Amino acid sequence: MATPSSPELQAFLQHLAVERRLADRTVAMYAEALARLERFAAAAGVALLRAEPHHLRGFVVQLRAAGLAPRSIAIALAAWRGLYRWWGRQGVVAANPVDGLRPPKAPKPLPKALSVQQAVALAAHPGLPGDGPHAAALAARDHAIGELLYGAGLRIGEVLGLDLPGSAAAAGWVDLDDATAHVLGKGRKRRSVPVGGAALQALRDWLARRPELAAAGETALFVSQRGTRLSPNQLRLRLARQAQQAGLPTKVHPHMLRHSYASHLLQSSGDLRAVQELLGHASISTTQVYTKLDFQHLAQVYDAAHPRAKAKPKPG
């Protein structure tokens, strides 16, 4: 990694390593950032002690033009800001020209979604095999949960908040006759979503076995082996194991099935507003992330199927 040649900058790095006791990795990243600062200032004909905010803004533009990621730019700004703060304590600069500068926002990572085949394989999985008197009941419960997560796009808290029987006082419930799940989502907003035939049948199978596990007076639809409401951690662990049993190559968490539900609905319908309503998003911008997932899917199909997708241009 590059390091600055200026004795003043080397002194600051020494301060970070010895007095601040920063990790070697951090000091190395700061050294590279300070070397960049030194080069930018030399190219602009500006002494670092006399640099103004507009000079530093220009240096940030150069970082972006060099293709640095937002996180790398944030590290560079932290190094530069620390340098001028240190100089300020020594009284050699009157103001910190890096103050007020912010790195560009890092793009939010796209949520991971399963393919249609993977999501169906997991939702249709009959549940974890096991021994003991309640193995069949637990398998039926896990199957019903998988079908609801993917078939209705519910959040983990919405699934675990479902009660039996349904009532206005309940956090949520499933109306089997009406094929509808009524849930209390974020911001305590109620919404109703349709429940497909596969999920309804899985729920009926679970309800037939629920009395084997549920404690007396327990209102939760989904209960643990102890008879009380299933916890989020218990659900995550069971789903991850179920995904392995179903042969999925990736680590699966409950929200991944919600992402898959949204992505697959959008791929089939193209109706962003309808998907927003089904997911219970307050803003359409939250739902729009799935248009990017949809494009990724289309791009993968194109790359895999179109005869000209991988055609290399001939050299001129």
C-alpha atoms as a PDB file:
ATOM      1  CA  MET A   1       0.000   0.000   0.000  1.00  0.00           C
ATOM      2  CA  ALA A   2       1.095   3.556  -0.681  1.00  0.00           C
ATOM      3  CA  THR A   3       2.290   5.741   2.166  1.00  0.00           C
ATOM      4  CA  PRO A   4       2.791   9.520   2.268  1.00  0.00           C
ATOM      5  CA  SER A   5       6.294  10.918   1.943  1.00  0.00           C
ATOM      6  CA  SER A   6       5.694  14.094   3.952  1.00  0.00           C
ATOM      7  CA  PRO A   7       7.229  14.017   7.463  1.00  0.00           C
ATOM      8  CA  GLU A   8       4.132  15.802   8.802  1.00  0.00           C
ATOM      9  CA  LEU A   9       1.824  13.072   7.490  1.00  0.00           C
ATOM     10  CA  GLN A  10       4.147  10.337   8.707  1.00  0.00           C
ATOM     11  CA  ALA A  11       4.087  11.959  12.141  1.00  0.00           C
ATOM     12  CA  PHE A  12       0.289  11.804  12.142  1.00  0.00           C
ATOM     13  CA  LEU A  13       0.389   8.095  11.234  1.00  0.00           C
ATOM     14  CA  GLN A  14       2.854   7.529  14.055  1.00  0.00           C
ATOM     15  CA  HIS A  15       0.439   9.303  16.399  1.00  0.00           C
ATOM     16  CA  LEU A  16      -2.373   6.980  15.264  1.00  0.00           C
ATOM     17  CA  ALA A  17      -0.276   3.851  15.703  1.00  0.00           C
ATOM     18  CA  VAL A  18       1.456   4.695  18.996  1.00  0.00           C
ATOM     19  CA  GLU A  19      -0.765   7.094  20.913  1.00  0.00           C
ATOM     20  CA  ARG A  20      -4.174   6.179  19.514  1.00  0.00           C
ATOM     21  CA  ARG A  21      -3.199   2.493  19.187  1.00  0.00           C
ATOM     22  CA  LEU A  22      -5.278   1.965  16.079  1.00  0.00           C
ATOM     23  CA  ALA A  23      -5.148  -1.436  14.432  1.00  0.00           C
ATOM     24  CA  ASP A  24      -2.435  -2.018  11.853  1.00  0.00           C
ATOM     25  CA  ARG A  25      -5.083  -2.499   9.167  1.00  0.00           C
ATOM     26  CA  THR A  26      -6.680   0.856  10.002  1.00  0.00           C
ATOM     27  CA  VAL A  27      -3.343   2.664   9.998  1.00  0.00           C
ATOM     28  CA  ALA A  28      -2.512   1.120   6.617  1.00  0.00           C
ATOM     29  CA  MET A  29      -5.827   2.309   5.128  1.00  0.00           C
ATOM     30  CA  TYR A  30      -5.281   5.805   6.560  1.00  0.00           C
ATOM     31  CA  ALA A  31      -1.757   5.829   5.130  1.00  0.00           C
ATOM     32  CA  GLU A  32      -3.096   5.094   1.664  1.00  0.00           C
ATOM     33  CA  ALA A  33      -5.763   7.787   2.029  1.00  0.00           C
ATOM     34  CA  LEU A  34      -3.149  10.349   3.137  1.00  0.00           C
ATOM     35  CA  ALA A  35      -0.886   9.403   0.237  1.00  0.00           C
ATOM     36  CA  ARG A  36      -3.790  10.172  -2.102  1.00  0.00           C
ATOM     37  CA  LEU A  37      -4.356  13.489  -0.359  1.00  0.00           C
ATOM     38  CA  GLU A  38      -0.687  14.336  -0.745  1.00  0.00           C
ATOM     39  CA  ARG A  39      -0.782  13.555  -4.481  1.00  0.00           C
ATOM     40  CA  PHE A  40      -3.981  15.535  -5.061  1.00  0.00           C
ATOM     41  CA  ALA A  41      -2.606  18.587  -3.246  1.00  0.00           C
ATOM     42  CA  ALA A  42       0.687  18.435  -5.155  1.00  0.00           C
ATOM     43  CA  ALA A  43      -1.131  18.187  -8.499  1.00  0.00           C
ATOM     44  CA  ALA A  44      -3.332  21.159  -7.566  1.00  0.00           C
ATOM     45  CA  GLY A  45      -0.362  23.199  -6.345  1.00  0.00           C
ATOM     46  CA  VAL A  46      -1.920  23.578  -2.892  1.00  0.00           C
ATOM     47  CA  ALA A  47      -0.066  23.302   0.404  1.00  0.00           C
ATOM     48  CA  LEU A  48      -1.994  20.980   2.714  1.00  0.00           C
ATOM     49  CA  LEU A  49      -1.818  23.457   5.593  1.00  0.00           C
ATOM     50  CA  ARG A  50      -3.523  26.047   3.379  1.00  0.00           C
ATOM     51  CA  ALA A  51      -6.128  23.793   1.764  1.00  0.00           C
ATOM     52  CA  GLU A  52      -9.675  25.176   1.693  1.00  0.00           C
ATOM     53  CA  PRO A  53     -12.993  23.270   1.699  1.00  0.00           C
ATOM     54  CA  HIS A  54     -13.361  23.675  -2.078  1.00  0.00           C
ATOM     55  CA  HIS A  55      -9.997  21.994  -2.565  1.00  0.00           C
ATOM     56  CA  LEU A  56     -11.110  19.012  -0.469  1.00  0.00           C
ATOM     57  CA  ARG A  57     -14.404  18.800  -2.362  1.00  0.00           C
ATOM     58  CA  GLY A  58     -12.406  18.598  -5.562  1.00  0.00           C
ATOM     59  CA  PHE A  59     -10.289  15.820  -4.093  1.00  0.00           C
ATOM     60  CA  VAL A  60     -13.430  13.844  -3.246  1.00  0.00           C
ATOM     61  CA  VAL A  61     -14.565  14.233  -6.852  1.00  0.00           C
ATOM     62  CA  GLN A  62     -11.259  12.718  -7.927  1.00  0.00           C
ATOM     63  CA  LEU A  63     -11.802   9.783  -5.574  1.00  0.00           C
ATOM     64  CA  ARG A  64     -15.162   9.126  -7.155  1.00  0.00           C
ATOM     65  CA  ALA A  65     -13.711   9.488 -10.653  1.00  0.00           C
ATOM     66  CA  ALA A  66     -11.075   6.895  -9.720  1.00  0.00           C
ATOM     67  CA  GLY A  67     -13.894   4.435  -9.036  1.00  0.00           C
ATOM     68  CA  LEU A  68     -13.574   4.217  -5.253  1.00  0.00           C
ATOM     69  CA  ALA A  69     -16.542   2.692  -3.477  1.00  0.00           C
ATOM     70  CA  PRO A  70     -18.519   4.854  -1.027  1.00  0.00           C
ATOM     71  CA  ARG A  71     -17.029   2.963   1.921  1.00  0.00           C
ATOM     72  CA  SER A  72     -13.479   3.623   0.691  1.00  0.00           C
ATOM     73  CA  ILE A  73     -14.287   7.312   0.235  1.00  0.00           C
ATOM     74  CA  ALA A  74     -15.682   7.388   3.771  1.00  0.00           C
ATOM     75  CA  ILE A  75     -12.416   5.944   5.089  1.00  0.00           C
ATOM     76  CA  ALA A  76     -10.418   8.546   3.152  1.00  0.00           C
ATOM     77  CA  LEU A  77     -12.524  11.386   4.547  1.00  0.00           C
ATOM     78  CA  ALA A  78     -12.105  10.011   8.068  1.00  0.00           C
ATOM     79  CA  ALA A  79      -8.325   9.991   7.612  1.00  0.00           C
ATOM     80  CA  TRP A  80      -8.277  13.513   6.182  1.00  0.00           C
ATOM     81  CA  ARG A  81     -10.615  14.857   8.843  1.00  0.00           C
ATOM     82  CA  GLY A  82      -8.504  13.283  11.582  1.00  0.00           C
ATOM     83  CA  LEU A  83      -5.341  14.836  10.144  1.00  0.00           C
ATOM     84  CA  TYR A  84      -6.753  18.371  10.144  1.00  0.00           C
ATOM     85  CA  ARG A  85      -8.281  17.872  13.591  1.00  0.00           C
ATOM     86  CA  TRP A  86      -4.836  16.854  14.870  1.00  0.00           C
ATOM     87  CA  TRP A  87      -3.266  19.876  13.221  1.00  0.00           C
ATOM     88  CA  GLY A  88      -5.983  22.058  14.741  1.00  0.00           C
ATOM     89  CA  ARG A  89      -5.082  20.862  18.251  1.00  0.00           C
ATOM     90  CA  GLN A  90      -1.492  21.776  17.484  1.00  0.00           C
ATOM     91  CA  GLY A  91      -2.598  25.240  16.368  1.00  0.00           C
ATOM     92  CA  VAL A  92      -1.163  24.993  12.858  1.00  0.00           C
ATOM     93  CA  VAL A  93      -4.553  25.286  11.103  1.00  0.00           C
ATOM     94  CA  ALA A  94      -7.431  27.533  12.077  1.00  0.00           C
ATOM     95  CA  ALA A  95     -10.261  25.416  10.659  1.00  0.00           C
ATOM     96  CA  ASN A  96     -10.859  21.884   9.427  1.00  0.00           C
ATOM     97  CA  PRO A  97     -11.550  22.008   5.654  1.00  0.00           C
ATOM     98  CA  VAL A  98     -12.969  18.477   5.717  1.00  0.00           C
ATOM     99  CA  ASP A  99     -15.786  19.360   8.116  1.00  0.00           C
ATOM    100  CA  GLY A 100     -19.117  19.238   6.320  1.00  0.00           C
ATOM    101  CA  LEU A 101     -17.915  16.835   3.636  1.00  0.00           C
ATOM    102  CA  ARG A 102     -19.860  13.601   3.460  1.00  0.00           C
ATOM    103  CA  PRO A 103     -19.134  10.465   1.446  1.00  0.00           C
ATOM    104  CA  PRO A 104     -21.645   9.387  -1.209  1.00  0.00           C
ATOM    105  CA  LYS A 105     -24.336   7.073   0.077  1.00  0.00           C
ATOM    106  CA  ALA A 106     -23.608   3.430  -0.479  1.00  0.00           C
ATOM    107  CA  PRO A 107     -26.274   1.708  -2.564  1.00  0.00           C
ATOM    108  CA  LYS A 108     -28.484  -0.539  -0.499  1.00  0.00           C
ATOM    109  CA  PRO A 109     -27.788  -4.188  -1.218  1.00  0.00           C
ATOM    110  CA  LEU A 110     -30.574  -5.916  -3.077  1.00  0.00           C
ATOM    111  CA  PRO A 111     -32.498  -8.389  -0.964  1.00  0.00           C
ATOM    112  CA  LYS A 112     -31.668 -11.988  -1.767  1.00  0.00           C
ATOM    113  CA  ALA A 113     -34.446 -13.962  -3.384  1.00  0.00           C
ATOM    114  CA  LEU A 114     -34.721 -17.628  -4.232  1.00  0.00           C
ATOM    115  CA  SER A 115     -35.533 -18.841  -7.707  1.00  0.00           C
ATOM    116  CA  VAL A 116     -39.107 -19.985  -8.295  1.00  0.00           C
ATOM    117  CA  GLN A 117     -37.981 -23.620  -8.257  1.00  0.00           C
ATOM    118  CA  GLN A 118     -36.065 -23.177  -4.981  1.00  0.00           C
ATOM    119  CA  ALA A 119     -38.900 -21.309  -3.245  1.00  0.00           C
ATOM    120  CA  VAL A 120     -41.497 -23.895  -4.317  1.00  0.00           C
ATOM    121  CA  ALA A 121     -39.223 -26.751  -3.223  1.00  0.00           C
ATOM    122  CA  LEU A 122     -38.837 -25.193   0.221  1.00  0.00           C
ATOM    123  CA  ALA A 123     -42.503 -24.252   0.660  1.00  0.00           C
ATOM    124  CA  ALA A 124     -43.612 -27.716  -0.466  1.00  0.00           C
ATOM    125  CA  HIS A 125     -41.120 -29.501   1.788  1.00  0.00           C
ATOM    126  CA  PRO A 126     -43.070 -31.734   4.190  1.00  0.00           C
ATOM    127  CA  GLY A 127     -41.063 -30.580   7.199  1.00  0.00           C
ATOM    128  CA  LEU A 128     -38.053 -31.877   9.068  1.00  0.00           C
ATOM    129  CA  PRO A 129     -37.909 -35.597   9.663  1.00  0.00           C
ATOM    130  CA  GLY A 130     -37.480 -36.530  13.290  1.00  0.00           C
ATOM    131  CA  ASP A 131     -38.113 -38.971  16.070  1.00  0.00           C
ATOM    132  CA  GLY A 132     -40.324 -38.716  19.087  1.00  0.00           C
ATOM    133  CA  PRO A 133     -44.050 -38.536  19.667  1.00  0.00           C
ATOM    134  CA  HIS A 134     -44.411 -35.025  18.225  1.00  0.00           C
ATOM    135  CA  ALA A 135     -42.262 -35.357  15.105  1.00  0.00           C
ATOM    136  CA  ALA A 136     -45.247 -35.419  12.753  1.00  0.00           C
ATOM    137  CA  ALA A 137     -46.825 -32.400  14.441  1.00  0.00           C
ATOM    138  CA  LEU A 138     -43.608 -30.382  14.194  1.00  0.00           C
ATOM    139  CA  ALA A 139     -43.209 -31.312  10.537  1.00  0.00           C
ATOM    140  CA  ALA A 140     -46.787 -30.209   9.815  1.00  0.00           C
ATOM    141  CA  ARG A 141     -46.168 -26.922  11.635  1.00  0.00           C
ATOM    142  CA  ASP A 142     -42.940 -26.217   9.731  1.00  0.00           C
ATOM    143  CA  HIS A 143     -44.601 -27.009   6.413  1.00  0.00           C
ATOM    144  CA  ALA A 144     -47.490 -24.624   7.153  1.00  0.00           C
ATOM    145  CA  ILE A 145     -45.071 -21.843   8.126  1.00  0.00           C
ATOM    146  CA  GLY A 146     -43.045 -22.293   4.928  1.00  0.00           C
ATOM    147  CA  GLU A 147     -46.189 -22.143   2.817  1.00  0.00           C
ATOM    148  CA  LEU A 148     -47.347 -18.963   4.559  1.00  0.00           C
ATOM    149  CA  LEU A 149     -43.988 -17.190   4.316  1.00  0.00           C
ATOM    150  CA  TYR A 150     -43.773 -17.778   0.580  1.00  0.00           C
ATOM    151  CA  GLY A 151     -47.462 -18.094  -0.306  1.00  0.00           C
ATOM    152  CA  ALA A 152     -48.571 -14.906   1.468  1.00  0.00           C
ATOM    153  CA  GLY A 153     -45.354 -12.897   1.741  1.00  0.00           C
ATOM    154  CA  LEU A 154     -45.691 -12.395   5.480  1.00  0.00           C
ATOM    155  CA  ARG A 155     -42.956 -11.060   7.722  1.00  0.00           C
ATOM    156  CA  ILE A 156     -41.628 -13.372  10.425  1.00  0.00           C
ATOM    157  CA  GLY A 157     -43.286 -11.265  13.131  1.00  0.00           C
ATOM    158  CA  GLU A 158     -46.592 -11.356  11.273  1.00  0.00           C
ATOM    159  CA  VAL A 159     -46.496 -15.146  10.990  1.00  0.00           C
ATOM    160  CA  LEU A 160     -45.585 -15.638  14.636  1.00  0.00           C
ATOM    161  CA  GLY A 161     -48.200 -13.072  15.700  1.00  0.00           C
ATOM    162  CA  LEU A 162     -51.062 -15.086  14.207  1.00  0.00           C
ATOM    163  CA  ASP A 163     -53.614 -16.212  16.773  1.00  0.00           C
ATOM    164  CA  LEU A 164     -56.313 -18.816  16.962  1.00  0.00           C
ATOM    165  CA  PRO A 165     -59.145 -18.058  16.779  1.00  0.00           C
ATOM    166  CA  GLY A 166     -59.236 -14.747  14.935  1.00  0.00           C
ATOM    167  CA  SER A 167     -60.682 -11.674  16.597  1.00  0.00           C
ATOM    168  CA  ALA A 168     -60.429  -7.901  16.454  1.00  0.00           C
ATOM    169  CA  ALA A 169     -58.173  -8.049  19.510  1.00  0.00           C
ATOM    170  CA  ALA A 170     -55.759 -10.533  17.910  1.00  0.00           C
ATOM    171  CA  ALA A 171     -52.544  -9.380  16.271  1.00  0.00           C
ATOM    172  CA  GLY A 172     -53.430 -11.533  13.279  1.00  0.00           C
ATOM    173  CA  TRP A 173     -55.313 -14.580  12.144  1.00  0.00           C
ATOM    174  CA  VAL A 174     -56.051 -16.680   9.075  1.00  0.00           C
ATOM    175  CA  ASP A 175     -59.613 -17.026   7.805  1.00  0.00           C
ATOM    176  CA  LEU A 176     -59.605 -20.455   6.168  1.00  0.00           C
ATOM    177  CA  ASP A 177     -63.094 -20.036   4.721  1.00  0.00           C
ATOM    178  CA  ASP A 178     -62.232 -16.684   3.167  1.00  0.00           C
ATOM    179  CA  ALA A 179     -58.673 -17.763   2.212  1.00  0.00           C
ATOM    180  CA  THR A 180     -57.286 -14.575   3.756  1.00  0.00           C
ATOM    181  CA  ALA A 181     -54.609 -13.736   6.292  1.00  0.00           C
ATOM    182  CA  HIS A 182     -55.233 -10.659   8.440  1.00  0.00           C
ATOM    183  CA  VAL A 183     -52.047  -9.311   9.982  1.00  0.00           C
ATOM    184  CA  LEU A 184     -50.716  -6.387  11.972  1.00  0.00           C
ATOM    185  CA  GLY A 185     -47.689  -5.072  10.094  1.00  0.00           C
ATOM    186  CA  LYS A 186     -45.157  -2.296  10.594  1.00  0.00           C
ATOM    187  CA  GLY A 187     -46.547   0.870  12.112  1.00  0.00           C
ATOM    188  CA  ARG A 188     -49.347  -1.279  13.563  1.00  0.00           C
ATOM    189  CA  LYS A 189     -51.149  -1.126  10.236  1.00  0.00           C
ATOM    190  CA  ARG A 190     -53.574  -3.920   9.494  1.00  0.00           C
ATOM    191  CA  ARG A 191     -53.752  -5.500   6.076  1.00  0.00           C
ATOM    192  CA  SER A 192     -55.339  -8.534   4.516  1.00  0.00           C
ATOM    193  CA  VAL A 193     -53.625 -10.760   1.965  1.00  0.00           C
ATOM    194  CA  PRO A 194     -54.889 -13.750   0.021  1.00  0.00           C
ATOM    195  CA  VAL A 195     -53.677 -17.205   1.016  1.00  0.00           C
ATOM    196  CA  GLY A 196     -53.230 -19.823  -1.706  1.00  0.00           C
ATOM    197  CA  GLY A 197     -54.644 -23.317  -1.776  1.00  0.00           C
ATOM    198  CA  ALA A 198     -51.360 -25.028  -0.877  1.00  0.00           C
ATOM    199  CA  ALA A 199     -50.942 -22.886   2.222  1.00  0.00           C
ATOM    200  CA  LEU A 200     -54.566 -23.413   3.251  1.00  0.00           C
ATOM    201  CA  GLN A 201     -54.194 -27.185   3.038  1.00  0.00           C
ATOM    202  CA  ALA A 202     -50.916 -27.066   4.996  1.00  0.00           C
ATOM    203  CA  LEU A 203     -52.648 -24.975   7.673  1.00  0.00           C
ATOM    204  CA  ARG A 204     -55.515 -27.459   7.923  1.00  0.00           C
ATOM    205  CA  ASP A 205     -53.011 -30.292   8.331  1.00  0.00           C
ATOM    206  CA  TRP A 206     -51.240 -28.348  11.082  1.00  0.00           C
ATOM    207  CA  LEU A 207     -54.460 -27.427  12.865  1.00  0.00           C
ATOM    208  CA  ALA A 208     -55.369 -31.118  13.013  1.00  0.00           C
ATOM    209  CA  ARG A 209     -52.127 -31.767  14.928  1.00  0.00           C
ATOM    210  CA  ARG A 210     -51.801 -28.519  16.878  1.00  0.00           C
ATOM    211  CA  PRO A 211     -53.564 -29.928  19.983  1.00  0.00           C
ATOM    212  CA  GLU A 212     -50.642 -32.363  20.352  1.00  0.00           C
ATOM    213  CA  LEU A 213     -48.338 -29.447  21.186  1.00  0.00           C
ATOM    214  CA  ALA A 214     -50.358 -26.420  22.310  1.00  0.00           C
ATOM    215  CA  ALA A 215     -50.604 -25.687  26.016  1.00  0.00           C
ATOM    216  CA  ALA A 216     -54.049 -25.188  27.522  1.00  0.00           C
ATOM    217  CA  GLY A 217     -55.330 -21.707  26.775  1.00  0.00           C
ATOM    218  CA  GLU A 218     -52.503 -20.869  24.321  1.00  0.00           C
ATOM    219  CA  THR A 219     -53.827 -18.585  21.560  1.00  0.00           C
ATOM    220  CA  ALA A 220     -50.802 -18.634  19.240  1.00  0.00           C
ATOM    221  CA  LEU A 221     -51.387 -20.358  15.919  1.00  0.00           C
ATOM    222  CA  PHE A 222     -47.819 -21.660  15.800  1.00  0.00           C
ATOM    223  CA  VAL A 223     -46.442 -23.130  19.015  1.00  0.00           C
ATOM    224  CA  SER A 224     -43.167 -24.721  20.067  1.00  0.00           C
ATOM    225  CA  GLN A 225     -42.621 -28.133  21.642  1.00  0.00           C
ATOM    226  CA  ARG A 226     -43.188 -26.441  25.002  1.00  0.00           C
ATOM    227  CA  GLY A 227     -46.686 -25.511  23.897  1.00  0.00           C
ATOM    228  CA  THR A 228     -46.162 -21.747  23.848  1.00  0.00           C
ATOM    229  CA  ARG A 229     -45.793 -19.286  21.001  1.00  0.00           C
ATOM    230  CA  LEU A 230     -42.910 -20.142  18.677  1.00  0.00           C
ATOM    231  CA  SER A 231     -39.983 -17.690  18.918  1.00  0.00           C
ATOM    232  CA  PRO A 232     -38.236 -16.003  15.950  1.00  0.00           C
ATOM    233  CA  ASN A 233     -34.963 -17.821  16.667  1.00  0.00           C
ATOM    234  CA  GLN A 234     -36.683 -21.187  16.749  1.00  0.00           C
ATOM    235  CA  LEU A 235     -38.324 -20.438  13.415  1.00  0.00           C
ATOM    236  CA  ARG A 236     -35.071 -19.289  11.808  1.00  0.00           C
ATOM    237  CA  LEU A 237     -33.220 -22.412  12.898  1.00  0.00           C
ATOM    238  CA  ARG A 238     -35.967 -24.771  11.735  1.00  0.00           C
ATOM    239  CA  LEU A 239     -36.290 -23.023   8.366  1.00  0.00           C
ATOM    240  CA  ALA A 240     -32.536 -23.089   7.745  1.00  0.00           C
ATOM    241  CA  ARG A 241     -32.452 -26.828   8.457  1.00  0.00           C
ATOM    242  CA  GLN A 242     -35.520 -27.364   6.299  1.00  0.00           C
ATOM    243  CA  ALA A 243     -33.827 -25.550   3.415  1.00  0.00           C
ATOM    244  CA  GLN A 244     -30.843 -27.867   3.718  1.00  0.00           C
ATOM    245  CA  GLN A 245     -33.160 -30.870   3.669  1.00  0.00           C
ATOM    246  CA  ALA A 246     -34.838 -29.464   0.543  1.00  0.00           C
ATOM    247  CA  GLY A 247     -31.448 -29.313  -1.173  1.00  0.00           C
ATOM    248  CA  LEU A 248     -31.174 -25.524  -1.429  1.00  0.00           C
ATOM    249  CA  PRO A 249     -27.594 -24.371  -2.002  1.00  0.00           C
ATOM    250  CA  THR A 250     -27.907 -21.143  -0.013  1.00  0.00           C
ATOM    251  CA  LYS A 251     -28.533 -20.228   3.608  1.00  0.00           C
ATOM    252  CA  VAL A 252     -32.208 -19.335   3.862  1.00  0.00           C
ATOM    253  CA  HIS A 253     -33.831 -17.007   6.374  1.00  0.00           C
ATOM    254  CA  PRO A 254     -37.563 -16.204   6.703  1.00  0.00           C
ATOM    255  CA  HIS A 255     -37.361 -12.788   5.048  1.00  0.00           C
ATOM    256  CA  MET A 256     -35.800 -14.379   1.969  1.00  0.00           C
ATOM    257  CA  LEU A 257     -39.130 -16.102   1.303  1.00  0.00           C
ATOM    258  CA  ARG A 258     -40.907 -12.742   1.533  1.00  0.00           C
ATOM    259  CA  HIS A 259     -38.423 -11.300  -0.970  1.00  0.00           C
ATOM    260  CA  SER A 260     -39.014 -14.298  -3.228  1.00  0.00           C
ATOM    261  CA  TYR A 261     -42.791 -13.843  -2.958  1.00  0.00           C
ATOM    262  CA  ALA A 262     -42.515 -10.191  -4.001  1.00  0.00           C
ATOM    263  CA  SER A 263     -40.014 -10.795  -6.790  1.00  0.00           C
ATOM    264  CA  HIS A 264     -41.951 -13.671  -8.321  1.00  0.00           C
ATOM    265  CA  LEU A 265     -45.249 -11.771  -8.135  1.00  0.00           C
ATOM    266  CA  LEU A 266     -43.696  -8.800  -9.879  1.00  0.00           C
ATOM    267  CA  GLN A 267     -42.098 -10.979 -12.551  1.00  0.00           C
ATOM    268  CA  SER A 268     -45.484 -12.511 -13.341  1.00  0.00           C
ATOM    269  CA  SER A 269     -47.765  -9.494 -13.009  1.00  0.00           C
ATOM    270  CA  GLY A 270     -45.649  -6.371 -13.458  1.00  0.00           C
ATOM    271  CA  ASP A 271     -48.108  -4.616 -11.098  1.00  0.00           C
ATOM    272  CA  LEU A 272     -45.917  -2.674  -8.681  1.00  0.00           C
ATOM    273  CA  ARG A 273     -48.842  -1.046  -6.846  1.00  0.00           C
ATOM    274  CA  ALA A 274     -50.530  -4.376  -6.189  1.00  0.00           C
ATOM    275  CA  VAL A 275     -47.289  -5.854  -4.831  1.00  0.00           C
ATOM    276  CA  GLN A 276     -46.901  -2.783  -2.604  1.00  0.00           C
ATOM    277  CA  GLU A 277     -50.357  -3.384  -1.132  1.00  0.00           C
ATOM    278  CA  LEU A 278     -49.735  -7.080  -0.605  1.00  0.00           C
ATOM    279  CA  LEU A 279     -46.424  -6.448   1.155  1.00  0.00           C
ATOM    280  CA  GLY A 280     -47.826  -3.643   3.290  1.00  0.00           C
ATOM    281  CA  HIS A 281     -45.168  -1.126   2.245  1.00  0.00           C
ATOM    282  CA  ALA A 282     -45.983   2.442   3.221  1.00  0.00           C
ATOM    283  CA  SER A 283     -43.978   3.824   0.278  1.00  0.00           C
ATOM    284  CA  ILE A 284     -43.805   2.617  -3.304  1.00  0.00           C
ATOM    285  CA  SER A 285     -40.066   3.327  -3.243  1.00  0.00           C
ATOM    286  CA  THR A 286     -39.609   0.423  -0.817  1.00  0.00           C
ATOM    287  CA  THR A 287     -41.314  -1.909  -3.263  1.00  0.00           C
ATOM    288  CA  GLN A 288     -39.359  -0.620  -6.252  1.00  0.00           C
ATOM    289  CA  VAL A 289     -36.291  -2.572  -5.158  1.00  0.00           C
ATOM    290  CA  TYR A 290     -38.022  -5.638  -6.566  1.00  0.00           C
ATOM    291  CA  THR A 291     -38.020  -4.111 -10.035  1.00  0.00           C
ATOM    292  CA  LYS A 292     -34.221  -4.366  -9.836  1.00  0.00           C
ATOM    293  CA  LEU A 293     -34.488  -7.991  -8.759  1.00  0.00           C
ATOM    294  CA  ASP A 294     -36.824  -8.560 -11.687  1.00  0.00           C
ATOM    295  CA  PHE A 295     -34.346  -6.999 -14.097  1.00  0.00           C
ATOM    296  CA  GLN A 296     -31.576  -9.162 -12.688  1.00  0.00           C
ATOM    297  CA  HIS A 297     -33.711 -12.219 -13.386  1.00  0.00           C
ATOM    298  CA  LEU A 298     -34.403 -11.072 -16.936  1.00  0.00           C
ATOM    299  CA  ALA A 299     -30.733 -10.343 -17.509  1.00  0.00           C
ATOM    300  CA  GLN A 300     -29.807 -13.830 -16.304  1.00  0.00           C
ATOM    301  CA  VAL A 301     -32.368 -15.390 -18.626  1.00  0.00           C
ATOM    302  CA  TYR A 302     -31.013 -13.340 -21.524  1.00  0.00           C
ATOM    303  CA  ASP A 303     -27.408 -14.272 -20.766  1.00  0.00           C
ATOM    304  CA  ALA A 304     -28.283 -17.942 -20.506  1.00  0.00           C
ATOM    305  CA  ALA A 305     -30.632 -18.219 -23.495  1.00  0.00           C
ATOM    306  CA  HIS A 306     -29.956 -15.594 -26.149  1.00  0.00           C
ATOM    307  CA  PRO A 307     -27.512 -16.714 -28.860  1.00  0.00           C
ATOM    308  CA  ARG A 308     -25.953 -13.255 -29.072  1.00  0.00           C
ATOM    309  CA  ALA A 309     -25.732 -12.553 -25.329  1.00  0.00           C
ATOM    310  CA  LYS A 310     -22.131 -13.667 -25.053  1.00  0.00           C
ATOM    311  CA  ALA A 311     -21.028 -12.752 -28.549  1.00  0.00           C
ATOM    312  CA  LYS A 312     -17.619 -11.095 -28.455  1.00  0.00           C
ATOM    313  CA  PRO A 313     -17.084  -8.076 -30.687  1.00  0.00           C
ATOM    314  CA  LYS A 314     -14.485  -8.677 -33.341  1.00  0.00           C
ATOM    315  CA  PRO A 315     -11.355  -6.538 -33.039  1.00  0.00           C
ATOM    316  CA  GLY A 316     -11.392  -3.616 -35.425  1.00  0.00           C
END
